[in-house]
Protein backbone atom coordinates (compact mmCIF):
# COMPACT_ATOMS: atom_id res chain seq x y z
CA UNK A 1 38.10 -35.16 0.61
CA UNK A 2 37.39 -32.43 3.17
CA UNK A 3 33.68 -32.94 2.52
CA UNK A 4 34.09 -36.68 3.14
CA UNK A 5 35.82 -36.08 6.47
CA UNK A 6 33.23 -33.48 7.47
CA UNK A 7 30.38 -35.94 6.92
CA UNK A 8 32.12 -38.75 8.77
CA UNK A 9 31.06 -38.91 12.40
CA UNK A 10 34.03 -41.03 13.50
CA UNK A 11 36.51 -39.63 10.96
CA UNK A 12 36.53 -42.98 9.14
CA UNK A 13 36.42 -42.91 5.35
CA UNK A 14 34.31 -45.64 3.81
CA UNK A 15 33.38 -46.59 0.28
CA UNK A 16 29.73 -45.75 0.94
CA UNK A 17 30.65 -42.29 2.23
CA UNK A 18 32.81 -41.54 -0.80
CA UNK A 19 29.97 -42.57 -3.15
CA UNK A 20 27.58 -40.34 -1.23
CA UNK A 21 29.90 -37.36 -1.48
CA UNK A 22 30.48 -38.01 -5.17
CA UNK A 23 26.72 -37.67 -5.78
CA UNK A 24 26.70 -34.41 -3.82
CA UNK A 25 29.80 -33.03 -5.50
CA UNK A 26 28.20 -33.45 -8.92
CA UNK A 27 26.34 -30.24 -8.09
CA UNK A 28 26.12 -28.92 -11.66
CA UNK A 29 23.41 -31.42 -12.51
CA UNK A 30 21.29 -30.29 -9.58
CA UNK A 31 21.87 -26.61 -10.40
CA UNK A 32 20.71 -27.09 -13.99
CA UNK A 33 17.72 -29.07 -12.81
CA UNK A 34 16.76 -26.34 -10.32
CA UNK A 35 17.04 -23.63 -12.99
CA UNK A 36 14.67 -25.52 -15.28
CA UNK A 37 12.25 -26.01 -12.38
CA UNK A 38 12.39 -22.32 -11.46
CA UNK A 39 11.75 -21.30 -15.07
CA UNK A 40 8.57 -23.41 -15.07
CA UNK A 41 7.54 -22.14 -11.60
CA UNK A 42 6.99 -25.71 -10.36
CA UNK A 43 7.20 -25.28 -6.58
CA UNK A 44 6.49 -28.95 -5.89
CA UNK A 45 9.42 -30.17 -8.00
CA UNK A 46 11.69 -27.54 -6.44
CA UNK A 47 10.83 -28.84 -2.96
CA UNK A 48 11.41 -32.41 -4.08
CA UNK A 49 14.87 -31.50 -5.35
CA UNK A 50 15.73 -29.68 -2.11
CA UNK A 51 14.55 -32.74 -0.15
CA UNK A 52 16.80 -34.91 -2.31
CA UNK A 53 19.78 -32.64 -1.65
CA UNK A 54 19.12 -32.72 2.10
CA UNK A 55 18.86 -36.50 2.11
CA UNK A 56 22.23 -36.67 0.33
CA UNK A 57 23.75 -34.41 2.97
CA UNK A 58 24.41 -31.59 0.53
CA UNK A 59 25.72 -28.22 1.73
CA UNK A 60 22.68 -25.99 1.14
CA UNK A 61 24.75 -22.85 1.58
CA UNK A 62 27.13 -23.98 -1.16
CA UNK A 63 24.19 -24.93 -3.38
CA UNK A 64 22.64 -21.47 -3.03
CA UNK A 65 25.99 -19.80 -3.74
CA UNK A 66 26.47 -21.87 -6.90
CA UNK A 67 22.90 -21.22 -7.99
CA UNK A 68 23.41 -17.46 -7.62
CA UNK A 69 26.71 -17.73 -9.52
CA UNK A 70 25.04 -19.53 -12.43
CA UNK A 71 22.17 -17.02 -12.47
CA UNK A 72 24.72 -14.21 -12.56
CA UNK A 73 26.42 -15.81 -15.57
CA UNK A 74 23.03 -16.17 -17.22
CA UNK A 75 22.31 -12.50 -16.50
CA UNK A 76 25.56 -11.45 -18.19
CA UNK A 77 24.60 -13.50 -21.23
CA UNK A 78 21.10 -12.02 -21.33
CA UNK A 79 22.36 -8.43 -21.27
CA UNK A 80 24.95 -9.18 -23.94
CA UNK A 81 28.13 -8.96 -21.86
CA UNK A 82 28.92 -12.61 -22.51
CA UNK A 83 27.99 -14.97 -25.33
CA UNK A 84 26.89 -18.59 -25.22
CA UNK A 85 26.19 -21.16 -27.89
CA UNK A 86 24.18 -23.44 -25.63
CA UNK A 87 20.43 -23.16 -25.14
CA UNK A 88 19.69 -21.04 -22.11
CA UNK A 89 17.00 -21.46 -19.48
CA UNK A 90 13.78 -19.60 -20.30
CA UNK A 91 14.23 -16.80 -17.76
CA UNK A 92 13.95 -13.11 -18.57
CA UNK A 93 16.33 -10.51 -17.13
CA UNK A 94 13.64 -9.34 -14.69
CA UNK A 95 13.10 -12.95 -13.54
CA UNK A 96 16.82 -13.49 -12.99
CA UNK A 97 17.06 -10.25 -11.00
CA UNK A 98 14.22 -11.30 -8.68
CA UNK A 99 15.65 -14.80 -8.21
CA UNK A 100 19.10 -13.47 -7.34
CA UNK A 101 17.54 -11.09 -4.79
CA UNK A 102 15.48 -13.90 -3.21
CA UNK A 103 18.40 -16.33 -3.09
CA UNK A 104 20.76 -13.70 -1.67
CA UNK A 105 18.20 -13.04 1.05
CA UNK A 106 17.94 -16.79 1.74
CA UNK A 107 21.73 -17.04 1.89
CA UNK A 108 21.89 -14.27 4.48
CA UNK A 109 19.24 -15.95 6.64
CA UNK A 110 20.98 -19.34 6.75
CA UNK A 111 22.81 -18.60 10.00
CA UNK A 112 19.52 -17.98 11.77
CA UNK A 113 17.64 -20.94 10.29
CA UNK A 114 16.45 -23.81 12.47
CA UNK A 115 16.58 -26.04 9.38
CA UNK A 116 19.31 -25.34 6.79
CA UNK A 117 16.97 -25.82 3.85
CA UNK A 118 14.21 -23.56 5.23
CA UNK A 119 15.41 -20.18 3.82
CA UNK A 120 15.75 -21.74 0.36
CA UNK A 121 12.29 -23.28 0.58
CA UNK A 122 10.78 -19.96 1.64
CA UNK A 123 12.53 -18.24 -1.26
CA UNK A 124 11.03 -20.80 -3.64
CA UNK A 125 7.56 -20.15 -2.20
CA UNK A 126 8.00 -16.37 -2.49
CA UNK A 127 9.13 -16.78 -6.10
CA UNK A 128 6.02 -18.80 -6.92
CA UNK A 129 3.69 -16.37 -5.11
CA UNK A 130 5.31 -13.37 -6.78
CA UNK A 131 4.88 -14.84 -10.23
CA UNK A 132 1.22 -15.54 -9.51
CA UNK A 133 0.67 -12.03 -8.18
CA UNK A 134 2.33 -10.44 -11.19
CA UNK A 135 0.67 -12.59 -13.84
CA UNK A 136 -2.75 -13.73 -12.69
CA UNK A 137 -4.35 -10.25 -12.53
CA UNK A 138 -3.68 -9.48 -16.21
CA UNK A 139 -7.38 -10.03 -16.86
CA UNK A 140 -7.88 -6.69 -15.05
CA UNK A 141 -5.18 -4.87 -17.03
CA UNK A 142 -5.79 -2.19 -19.59
CA UNK A 143 -4.66 -4.06 -22.69
CA UNK A 144 -4.57 -0.90 -24.78
CA UNK A 145 -1.69 0.34 -22.65
CA UNK A 146 0.11 -2.96 -22.08
CA UNK A 147 3.02 -2.18 -24.40
CA UNK A 148 3.60 1.36 -23.12
CA UNK A 149 6.95 2.00 -21.43
CA UNK A 150 6.96 1.71 -17.66
CA UNK A 151 6.94 4.92 -15.66
CA UNK A 152 9.24 5.78 -12.77
CA UNK A 153 11.09 2.47 -13.00
CA UNK A 154 8.00 0.32 -12.34
CA UNK A 155 8.15 -2.90 -14.30
CA UNK A 156 5.39 -3.27 -16.97
CA UNK A 157 3.75 -6.15 -15.14
CA UNK A 158 3.33 -4.13 -11.95
CA UNK A 159 2.17 -1.13 -13.97
CA UNK A 160 -0.55 -3.19 -15.62
CA UNK A 161 -1.78 -4.51 -12.29
CA UNK A 162 -2.83 -1.11 -11.02
CA UNK A 163 -4.58 -0.19 -14.26
CA UNK A 164 -8.13 -1.45 -14.11
CA UNK A 165 -10.57 -0.56 -16.89
CA UNK A 166 -13.49 -1.38 -14.60
CA UNK A 167 -12.93 1.72 -12.48
CA UNK A 168 -12.28 4.16 -15.33
CA UNK A 169 -15.33 6.17 -14.31
CA UNK A 170 -15.53 7.92 -10.96
CA UNK A 171 -18.51 7.07 -8.76
CA UNK A 172 -21.51 9.24 -9.50
CA UNK A 173 -21.46 12.47 -7.48
CA UNK A 174 -24.91 13.35 -6.12
CA UNK A 175 -23.91 16.29 -3.97
CA UNK A 176 -25.95 19.48 -4.19
CA UNK A 177 -24.32 22.87 -4.61
CA UNK A 178 -23.71 24.39 -1.18
CA UNK A 179 -24.22 21.10 0.65
CA UNK A 180 -21.66 20.69 3.42
CA UNK A 181 -19.70 17.46 3.71
CA UNK A 182 -16.16 16.66 4.92
CA UNK A 183 -13.71 15.48 2.28
CA UNK A 184 -12.44 12.80 4.70
CA UNK A 185 -15.90 11.21 4.62
CA UNK A 186 -15.91 11.17 0.83
CA UNK A 187 -12.51 9.43 0.80
CA UNK A 188 -13.80 6.30 2.55
CA UNK A 189 -17.04 6.10 0.56
CA UNK A 190 -15.46 6.55 -2.86
CA UNK A 191 -12.57 4.17 -2.24
CA UNK A 192 -15.03 1.52 -1.06
CA UNK A 193 -16.94 1.83 -4.35
CA UNK A 194 -13.76 1.72 -6.43
CA UNK A 195 -12.68 -1.39 -4.55
CA UNK A 196 -15.68 -3.25 -5.93
CA UNK A 197 -14.19 -3.08 -9.42
CA UNK A 198 -10.49 -3.07 -8.63
CA UNK A 199 -9.21 -5.96 -6.46
CA UNK A 200 -5.74 -4.39 -6.32
CA UNK A 201 -6.81 -1.58 -3.97
CA UNK A 202 -5.73 -2.08 -0.36
CA UNK A 203 -6.22 0.33 2.53
CA UNK A 204 -3.95 0.64 5.57
CA UNK A 205 -4.74 2.78 8.61
CA UNK A 206 -2.94 3.86 11.77
CA UNK A 207 -5.68 3.19 14.34
CA UNK A 208 -7.77 6.22 13.35
CA UNK A 209 -10.08 4.62 10.78
CA UNK A 210 -13.15 6.16 12.37
CA UNK A 211 -11.62 9.62 11.86
CA UNK A 212 -10.07 9.14 8.42
CA UNK A 213 -13.21 7.23 7.36
CA UNK A 214 -11.15 4.39 5.94
CA UNK A 215 -13.59 2.32 8.01
CA UNK A 216 -16.05 2.72 5.14
CA UNK A 217 -13.67 0.75 2.92
CA UNK A 218 -13.22 -1.86 5.65
CA UNK A 219 -16.98 -2.41 5.88
CA UNK A 220 -17.17 -3.61 2.28
CA UNK A 221 -13.64 -5.03 1.75
CA UNK A 222 -12.53 -6.37 5.13
CA UNK A 223 -10.01 -8.75 3.57
CA UNK A 224 -8.19 -5.83 1.92
CA UNK A 225 -8.08 -3.56 4.96
CA UNK A 226 -4.99 -3.69 7.20
CA UNK A 227 -5.09 -2.14 10.65
CA UNK A 228 -1.50 -1.11 11.46
CA UNK A 229 -2.31 0.60 14.78
CA UNK A 230 -0.03 3.36 16.11
CA UNK A 231 3.01 2.24 14.10
CA UNK A 232 3.20 4.61 11.15
CA UNK A 233 6.74 3.63 10.17
CA UNK A 234 5.80 -0.02 9.98
CA UNK A 235 2.62 0.88 8.09
CA UNK A 236 4.66 2.47 5.30
CA UNK A 237 6.85 -0.63 5.15
CA UNK A 238 3.79 -2.85 4.72
CA UNK A 239 2.54 -0.55 1.95
CA UNK A 240 5.87 -0.81 0.11
CA UNK A 241 5.58 -4.60 0.26
CA UNK A 242 2.06 -4.50 -1.15
CA UNK A 243 3.22 -2.15 -3.90
CA UNK A 244 6.02 -4.57 -4.76
CA UNK A 245 3.40 -7.26 -5.32
CA UNK A 246 1.43 -5.08 -7.70
CA UNK A 247 -1.21 -3.88 -5.24
CA UNK A 248 -2.33 -0.26 -4.94
CA UNK A 249 -2.12 0.65 -1.24
CA UNK A 250 -3.79 3.73 0.26
CA UNK A 251 -2.17 4.67 3.58
CA UNK A 252 -4.35 6.85 5.78
CA UNK A 253 -3.84 8.56 9.13
CA UNK A 254 -3.75 12.11 10.47
CA UNK A 255 -1.48 14.30 8.33
CA UNK A 256 0.50 15.23 11.46
CA UNK A 257 1.28 11.58 12.20
CA UNK A 258 2.81 10.93 8.77
CA UNK A 259 5.78 13.05 9.82
CA UNK A 260 6.83 10.19 12.10
CA UNK A 261 7.35 7.99 9.05
CA UNK A 262 9.06 10.44 6.69
CA UNK A 263 12.25 8.37 6.54
CA UNK A 264 10.25 5.37 5.34
CA UNK A 265 8.18 7.50 2.94
CA UNK A 266 11.36 8.99 1.47
CA UNK A 267 12.86 5.53 0.95
CA UNK A 268 9.59 4.32 -0.59
CA UNK A 269 9.88 7.14 -3.10
CA UNK A 270 13.49 6.27 -3.91
CA UNK A 271 12.43 2.63 -4.29
CA UNK A 272 9.86 3.62 -6.91
CA UNK A 273 6.97 2.38 -4.79
CA UNK A 274 3.40 2.97 -5.93
CA UNK A 275 1.54 4.30 -2.87
CA UNK A 276 -1.08 6.95 -2.16
CA UNK A 277 -0.84 8.55 1.28
CA UNK A 278 -3.93 10.18 2.73
CA UNK A 279 -3.47 12.78 5.47
CA UNK A 280 -6.63 13.73 7.32
CA UNK A 281 -7.18 16.55 9.81
CA UNK A 282 -4.77 18.78 7.89
CA UNK A 283 -4.20 22.47 8.53
CA UNK A 284 -5.39 24.66 11.40
CA UNK A 285 -9.10 24.12 10.76
CA UNK A 286 -9.36 21.09 13.06
CA UNK A 287 -9.85 23.49 15.98
CA UNK A 288 -10.98 21.47 18.97
CA UNK A 289 -8.52 18.62 18.32
CA UNK A 290 -5.65 20.92 19.31
CA UNK A 291 -2.37 22.00 17.80
CA UNK A 292 -0.65 18.63 18.30
CA UNK A 293 -3.04 17.10 15.74
CA UNK A 294 -2.66 19.83 13.11
CA UNK A 295 -0.82 18.67 10.01
CA UNK A 296 1.12 21.75 8.87
CA UNK A 297 4.30 20.22 7.43
CA UNK A 298 2.70 17.75 5.00
CA UNK A 299 2.92 19.91 1.85
CA UNK A 300 6.61 20.59 2.41
CA UNK A 301 7.27 16.95 3.28
CA UNK A 302 5.70 15.38 0.20
CA UNK A 303 6.75 18.25 -2.03
CA UNK A 304 10.39 17.34 -1.29
CA UNK A 305 9.92 13.90 -2.88
CA UNK A 306 10.90 13.51 -6.53
CA UNK A 307 7.93 13.11 -8.91
CA UNK A 308 5.38 13.14 -6.08
CA UNK A 309 1.82 14.32 -6.66
CA UNK A 310 -0.03 16.35 -4.03
CA UNK A 311 -3.79 16.90 -4.15
CA UNK A 312 -5.90 18.96 -1.76
CA UNK A 313 -9.47 18.82 -3.08
CA UNK A 314 -11.69 21.59 -1.80
CA UNK A 315 -15.05 19.85 -1.77
CA UNK A 316 -16.87 16.53 -2.08
CA UNK A 317 -17.22 16.70 -5.89
CA UNK A 318 -13.52 17.28 -6.56
CA UNK A 319 -12.56 14.60 -4.02
CA UNK A 320 -14.86 12.09 -5.69
CA UNK A 321 -13.33 12.81 -9.10
CA UNK A 322 -9.69 12.86 -8.04
CA UNK A 323 -9.47 9.62 -6.05
CA UNK A 324 -9.81 7.46 -9.21
CA UNK A 325 -6.98 9.55 -10.71
CA UNK A 326 -4.81 8.55 -7.74
CA UNK A 327 -5.71 4.89 -8.20
CA UNK A 328 -4.36 5.09 -11.75
CA UNK A 329 -1.34 7.19 -10.85
CA UNK A 330 2.02 5.40 -10.68
CA UNK A 331 4.37 6.56 -7.94
CA UNK A 332 4.11 8.44 -4.65
CA UNK A 333 1.02 10.60 -4.25
CA UNK A 334 -0.58 12.45 -1.36
CA UNK A 335 -4.24 13.28 -0.78
CA UNK A 336 -5.00 15.90 1.86
CA UNK A 337 -8.43 15.68 3.47
CA UNK A 338 -10.14 17.94 6.01
CA UNK A 339 -11.89 17.34 9.31
CA UNK A 340 -14.60 20.04 9.07
CA UNK A 341 -17.44 19.94 6.60
CA UNK A 342 -16.99 22.25 3.61
CA UNK A 343 -19.61 23.41 1.08
CA UNK A 344 -19.82 21.86 -2.38
CA UNK A 345 -18.34 24.30 -4.93
CA UNK A 346 -18.63 22.37 -8.19
CA UNK A 347 -21.47 20.71 -10.04
CA UNK A 348 -21.36 16.97 -10.61
CA UNK A 349 -20.40 17.33 -14.31
CA UNK A 350 -17.17 19.19 -13.58
CA UNK A 351 -14.07 17.33 -14.81
CA UNK A 352 -10.91 16.99 -12.71
CA UNK A 353 -7.49 15.63 -13.44
CA UNK A 354 -4.03 15.68 -11.86
CA UNK A 355 -2.51 19.06 -12.70
CA UNK A 356 -4.16 22.27 -13.86
CA UNK A 357 -6.49 24.61 -12.01
CA UNK A 358 -10.10 25.82 -11.84
CA UNK A 359 -11.54 29.34 -11.95
CA UNK A 360 -14.32 29.72 -9.42
CA UNK A 361 -15.05 33.42 -9.98
CA UNK A 362 -13.82 36.13 -12.30
CA UNK A 363 -14.57 39.83 -12.64
């Protein structure tokens, strides 16, 4: 009755208004219908149902709350806390978790929405896009490892996305022994080549792409390069979002500037994000750039993160070999590159992997 009065402009209760509210109050039917639609990822039908609810004058906030409540009940059944004899909607636990997160976000945004149905519609779109992002790239996945347990809390689907058999081999290293080349230059060239085979690689830069040489990736994969300008904290946030969608982001800037974003980097680590950070101009060897540009705290910073990997290749050959290892790595990793040119120490056939060491000379 309160709903009837609320919908009545002149506080008069009519037969037509009561019938309208009765259709709205029978919300269980619409909830079940929406769950079936969500399980089939039919965005068009979901929008049609939302339009129907709006035309009936339904309370979208109440609808979202009831939808979350039903999903929660379904979650309890899926994990074995509750039992049910009825046939359940074809949603996995991971799907239910994502849907609850998206709907809770939509519920929180209702008070700011110009249109009451807009947050729900955007949640439906994000659900559809997320499913496509997580499932369409399976053609690139390493099928031999598809059933392996996920590492560091990354769901199997996201793990498979960053595994690409096409880039299993590092680009051919044609550097001569003793030749001098900066490892920062190698970073851009190698990642650009790897990007040809792996569409999940994205590169973000903090307005220093000409110095980090991420510009070499941009030249060949403009659509997968994101210029974040002098906003390192925001850049890390964008990278976490890309990671959540199954992409493999490489975040590059001067090593010294990454300290500005340590809070975000730390939270990315705790969130089990899959990101490689690349700090250029590290150490005291940058000379003419001055002390304000010298990245001296980076080892300590990334070393404090649980399960992080830190690599500081000494020459062009080792850099070329280790970047593909970082593409395959799951979790937070850090690649330290140098401004000055350094001589090639290893021959092109030398093998490198994450962990271990090399003996250059012995007596």
